[in-house]
Amino acid sequence: MRKPFTDQVALVTGAASGIGRATALAFANMGARVIVSDINPEGGKETLSLIEGLDGEAVFCQTDVSQLGEVKKLMEFCVSSYGRLDYGINNAGIGGAWGKIAEYPIEEYHQVMKVNLDGVFYCMQLEIQQMLKQEGGAIVNVASIAGLKGLANSGPYSASKHAVIGLSKSAALEYARKNIRINAVCPVYTRTPLFEKIFEVDASYEQKLLSLIPMKRYGTPEDIASAIIWLCSSQSDFVTGQAIALDGGLTAG
């Protein structure tokens, strides 16, 4: 039986763990050829191995998305490996330091913006250029509920995710008539290595944050990957420019 994404090519950044890994595996399970990208070669190659264990097809490219030159090389690698790009999942991101604006380290602020915002912009720009040549494609940017509301003690992270949503909506308008759909997903607190670092700072946050979610559970990487896959599928052909909250009801009230 032919799988939904057979002969399609998906690029997933930040694919060494968490949401990125779950998304790469989901694409492979549905027949896509996957470009696994991450700054962490060990984790990236582990994701590659997991895909191969599913009899999937994938290649790995080590990339620091905050560097335009490396993103250019990533896109060249993608096209030289598989000849095209159908889906761009811009997931790579960092949490940054935990602290109030007045005390926030300037160097840390710039690093959060370079990875979370500049990295998404660089990837989107080159992905769109390639998709224009092919006359179509879909992009999903991984934002956060922190892009829909403020997040105390993590202002730069929240600002970067608000900006990702703005980029997504603007680009969606620009390319809506070019058969390129661009959306963002906004996960609630999700059990990933990045999220677990919060509990290293203050263990009491585990129950505090959980109490905010009406469904009384944290998200899983697979929850988010499922939504990303849907946004790339033919079932969402009329969906573009959206920032979809995946939050267990947190933003409903």
Protein backbone atom coordinates (compact mmCIF):
# COMPACT_ATOMS: atom_id res chain seq x y z
CA MET A 1 0.00 0.00 0.00
CA ARG A 2 1.35 3.40 -1.02
CA LYS A 3 2.08 5.68 1.93
CA PRO A 4 0.80 9.30 1.96
CA PHE A 5 4.23 10.95 1.64
CA THR A 6 5.89 8.48 -0.73
CA ASP A 7 8.38 10.24 -3.07
CA GLN A 8 8.12 13.43 -0.98
CA VAL A 9 11.03 15.09 0.80
CA ALA A 10 10.87 16.61 4.30
CA LEU A 11 13.50 18.68 6.05
CA VAL A 12 13.33 18.76 9.85
CA THR A 13 15.66 21.05 11.83
CA GLY A 14 16.34 20.40 15.50
CA ALA A 15 15.75 16.72 14.78
CA ALA A 16 18.23 15.27 17.27
CA SER A 17 15.59 14.90 20.00
CA GLY A 18 12.13 15.88 21.21
CA ILE A 19 9.61 17.32 18.77
CA GLY A 20 12.06 17.31 15.87
CA ARG A 21 12.91 13.64 16.28
CA ALA A 22 9.26 12.64 16.65
CA THR A 23 8.42 14.62 13.50
CA ALA A 24 11.24 13.09 11.49
CA LEU A 25 10.12 9.61 12.52
CA ALA A 26 6.50 10.41 11.66
CA PHE A 27 7.44 11.59 8.17
CA ALA A 28 9.56 8.48 7.62
CA ASN A 29 6.72 6.25 8.82
CA MET A 30 4.51 7.83 6.17
CA GLY A 31 6.95 7.24 3.36
CA ALA A 32 8.83 10.54 3.11
CA ARG A 33 12.54 10.82 2.55
CA VAL A 34 13.85 12.89 5.46
CA ILE A 35 16.71 15.31 5.87
CA VAL A 36 17.58 15.16 9.56
CA SER A 37 19.28 18.38 10.64
CA ASP A 38 20.68 19.43 13.99
CA ILE A 39 23.70 21.12 15.53
CA ASN A 40 24.18 17.96 17.63
CA PRO A 41 25.69 15.21 15.45
CA GLU A 42 25.33 12.43 18.02
CA GLY A 43 21.60 12.99 18.51
CA GLY A 44 21.06 13.60 14.81
CA LYS A 45 22.73 10.35 13.83
CA GLU A 46 20.70 8.54 16.48
CA THR A 47 17.52 9.86 14.85
CA LEU A 48 18.88 8.71 11.50
CA SER A 49 19.45 5.25 12.93
CA LEU A 50 15.91 5.12 14.30
CA ILE A 51 14.52 5.99 10.88
CA GLU A 52 16.62 3.33 9.22
CA GLY A 53 15.29 0.87 11.81
CA LEU A 54 11.82 1.64 10.43
CA ASP A 55 13.09 0.87 6.92
CA GLY A 56 12.81 4.57 6.20
CA GLU A 57 15.10 6.69 4.04
CA ALA A 58 16.99 9.61 5.55
CA VAL A 59 20.25 11.54 5.55
CA PHE A 60 21.83 13.71 8.24
CA CYS A 61 23.30 17.20 7.91
CA GLN A 62 24.89 18.94 10.88
CA THR A 63 23.72 22.56 10.86
CA ASP A 64 23.80 25.62 13.08
CA VAL A 65 20.67 27.41 11.84
CA SER A 66 21.83 30.71 13.35
CA GLN A 67 24.51 30.88 10.64
CA LEU A 68 23.24 31.75 7.15
CA GLY A 69 26.19 30.06 5.48
CA GLU A 70 25.39 26.77 7.18
CA VAL A 71 21.71 27.01 6.24
CA LYS A 72 22.71 27.58 2.61
CA LYS A 73 24.84 24.44 2.77
CA LEU A 74 21.91 22.56 4.32
CA MET A 75 19.64 23.50 1.44
CA GLU A 76 22.28 22.57 -1.11
CA PHE A 77 22.68 19.22 0.67
CA CYS A 78 18.91 18.68 0.59
CA VAL A 79 18.63 19.32 -3.15
CA SER A 80 21.77 17.36 -4.02
CA SER A 81 20.53 14.41 -1.93
CA TYR A 82 16.93 14.21 -3.13
CA GLY A 83 16.47 16.79 -5.87
CA ARG A 84 13.62 18.70 -4.21
CA LEU A 85 12.02 19.87 -0.98
CA ASP A 86 8.33 19.40 -0.28
CA TYR A 87 8.10 20.12 3.46
CA GLY A 88 10.20 22.40 5.65
CA ILE A 89 9.81 21.93 9.41
CA ASN A 90 11.68 24.70 11.19
CA ASN A 91 11.89 23.35 14.70
CA ALA A 92 15.42 24.14 15.92
CA GLY A 93 15.35 26.40 18.95
CA ILE A 94 16.73 27.14 22.40
CA GLY A 95 15.16 28.27 25.65
CA GLY A 96 17.81 30.71 26.76
CA ALA A 97 18.45 31.93 30.27
CA TRP A 98 15.74 32.17 32.93
CA GLY A 99 15.41 35.66 34.39
CA LYS A 100 13.71 39.05 34.45
CA ILE A 101 14.24 41.55 31.62
CA ALA A 102 16.18 44.03 33.79
CA GLU A 103 18.68 41.32 34.72
CA TYR A 104 18.79 39.32 31.48
CA PRO A 105 22.29 38.74 30.04
CA ILE A 106 22.60 40.63 26.74
CA GLU A 107 24.72 37.90 25.16
CA GLU A 108 22.05 35.33 25.99
CA TYR A 109 19.35 37.57 24.51
CA HIS A 110 21.21 37.81 21.21
CA GLN A 111 21.79 34.04 21.11
CA VAL A 112 18.09 33.29 21.64
CA MET A 113 17.19 35.64 18.80
CA LYS A 114 19.89 34.27 16.49
CA VAL A 115 18.68 30.69 16.85
CA ASN A 116 14.93 31.07 17.35
CA LEU A 117 14.25 33.97 14.98
CA ASP A 118 17.16 34.41 12.57
CA GLY A 119 17.41 30.64 12.13
CA VAL A 120 13.74 30.35 11.19
CA PHE A 121 14.02 33.30 8.79
CA TYR A 122 17.09 31.86 7.06
CA CYS A 123 15.47 28.45 6.67
CA MET A 124 12.16 29.86 5.46
CA GLN A 125 13.80 32.11 2.90
CA LEU A 126 15.76 29.29 1.29
CA GLU A 127 12.93 26.78 1.57
CA ILE A 128 10.55 29.17 -0.18
CA GLN A 129 13.10 29.84 -2.93
CA GLN A 130 13.33 26.11 -3.61
CA MET A 131 9.55 25.60 -3.41
CA LEU A 132 8.97 28.40 -5.92
CA LYS A 133 11.10 26.47 -8.40
CA GLN A 134 8.92 23.40 -7.80
CA GLU A 135 5.65 25.38 -7.77
CA GLY A 136 4.58 24.24 -4.33
CA GLY A 137 5.33 23.00 -0.83
CA ALA A 138 4.42 23.40 2.82
CA ILE A 139 6.30 24.94 5.74
CA VAL A 140 5.56 24.52 9.44
CA ASN A 141 7.39 26.66 11.98
CA VAL A 142 7.49 25.47 15.57
CA ALA A 143 6.60 28.43 17.78
CA SER A 144 5.15 28.06 21.29
CA ILE A 145 2.24 29.12 23.46
CA ALA A 146 4.85 31.66 24.59
CA GLY A 147 4.30 33.17 21.14
CA LEU A 148 0.62 33.66 21.94
CA LYS A 149 1.01 35.12 25.42
CA GLY A 150 3.70 36.48 27.69
CA LEU A 151 6.01 34.22 29.67
CA ALA A 152 7.46 35.74 32.83
CA ASN A 153 11.17 35.22 33.37
CA SER A 154 11.65 34.19 29.74
CA GLY A 155 10.95 37.39 27.84
CA PRO A 156 13.44 36.93 24.98
CA TYR A 157 12.19 33.40 24.31
CA SER A 158 8.60 34.64 24.26
CA ALA A 159 9.55 37.54 22.00
CA SER A 160 11.31 35.21 19.57
CA LYS A 161 8.28 32.94 19.34
CA HIS A 162 5.89 35.89 18.83
CA ALA A 163 8.18 36.91 15.96
CA VAL A 164 8.10 33.41 14.45
CA ILE A 165 4.30 33.61 14.32
CA GLY A 166 4.51 37.04 12.66
CA LEU A 167 6.94 35.72 10.04
CA SER A 168 4.72 32.71 9.39
CA LYS A 169 1.59 34.78 8.87
CA SER A 170 3.34 37.34 6.67
CA ALA A 171 4.97 34.72 4.47
CA ALA A 172 1.68 32.84 4.18
CA LEU A 173 0.08 35.95 2.71
CA GLU A 174 2.97 36.51 0.32
CA TYR A 175 2.92 32.99 -1.14
CA ALA A 176 -0.72 31.92 -0.81
CA ARG A 177 -1.16 32.09 -4.60
CA LYS A 178 2.07 30.20 -5.25
CA ASN A 179 0.84 26.88 -3.78
CA ILE A 180 3.09 27.27 -0.74
CA ARG A 181 1.31 26.94 2.59
CA ILE A 182 2.98 28.28 5.73
CA ASN A 183 1.72 27.69 9.26
CA ALA A 184 3.00 27.62 12.82
CA VAL A 185 2.31 25.30 15.72
CA CYS A 186 2.32 26.58 19.27
CA PRO A 187 2.96 23.75 21.74
CA VAL A 188 2.26 23.94 25.42
CA TYR A 189 4.87 22.58 27.83
CA THR A 190 6.03 19.41 26.11
CA ARG A 191 8.20 16.65 27.54
CA THR A 192 11.42 17.37 25.64
CA PRO A 193 15.04 17.73 26.82
CA LEU A 194 14.73 21.52 26.37
CA PHE A 195 11.63 21.66 28.58
CA GLU A 196 13.11 19.40 31.27
CA LYS A 197 15.83 22.01 31.88
CA ILE A 198 13.20 24.21 33.55
CA PHE A 199 12.86 21.64 36.33
CA GLU A 200 16.62 21.68 36.82
CA VAL A 201 16.29 25.35 37.75
CA ASP A 202 13.32 24.82 40.09
CA ALA A 203 11.77 21.36 40.64
CA SER A 204 8.58 22.93 41.99
CA TYR A 205 7.74 24.15 38.50
CA GLU A 206 6.75 20.64 37.41
CA GLN A 207 3.46 20.71 39.32
CA LYS A 208 2.98 24.48 38.97
CA LEU A 209 3.05 24.33 35.18
CA LEU A 210 0.98 21.17 35.03
CA SER A 211 -1.76 22.87 37.07
CA LEU A 212 -2.19 25.46 34.28
CA ILE A 213 -3.19 22.86 31.66
CA PRO A 214 -6.92 21.99 31.71
CA MET A 215 -6.25 18.45 30.43
CA LYS A 216 -3.81 17.96 33.35
CA ARG A 217 -1.03 16.42 31.31
CA TYR A 218 1.99 17.71 29.47
CA GLY A 219 2.23 17.46 25.71
CA THR A 220 4.31 14.73 24.12
CA PRO A 221 6.57 15.14 21.08
CA GLU A 222 4.21 12.80 19.24
CA ASP A 223 1.26 15.12 19.95
CA ILE A 224 3.07 17.94 18.20
CA ALA A 225 4.40 15.78 15.38
CA SER A 226 0.87 14.61 14.55
CA ALA A 227 -0.29 18.20 14.08
CA ILE A 228 2.73 19.02 11.92
CA ILE A 229 2.07 16.01 9.71
CA TRP A 230 -1.56 17.08 9.32
CA LEU A 231 -0.51 20.60 8.31
CA CYS A 232 1.69 19.11 5.59
CA SER A 233 -0.93 16.67 4.33
CA SER A 234 -3.56 17.11 1.64
CA GLN A 235 -6.17 17.14 4.43
CA SER A 236 -5.12 20.71 5.27
CA ASP A 237 -4.91 22.07 1.72
CA PHE A 238 -7.05 25.10 2.66
CA VAL A 239 -5.07 25.97 5.80
CA THR A 240 -2.38 28.64 5.69
CA GLY A 241 -1.24 31.52 7.88
CA GLN A 242 -2.42 29.88 11.08
CA ALA A 243 -0.77 29.65 14.50
CA ILE A 244 -2.34 26.54 15.99
CA ALA A 245 -2.28 26.16 19.78
CA LEU A 246 -1.48 22.61 20.90
CA ASP A 247 -1.99 23.27 24.54
CA GLY A 248 -4.44 20.96 26.27
CA GLY A 249 -6.87 23.88 26.55
CA LEU A 250 -4.51 26.34 28.24
CA THR A 251 -5.31 29.29 25.96
CA ALA A 252 -9.04 28.53 25.73
CA GLY A 253 -9.99 30.48 28.83
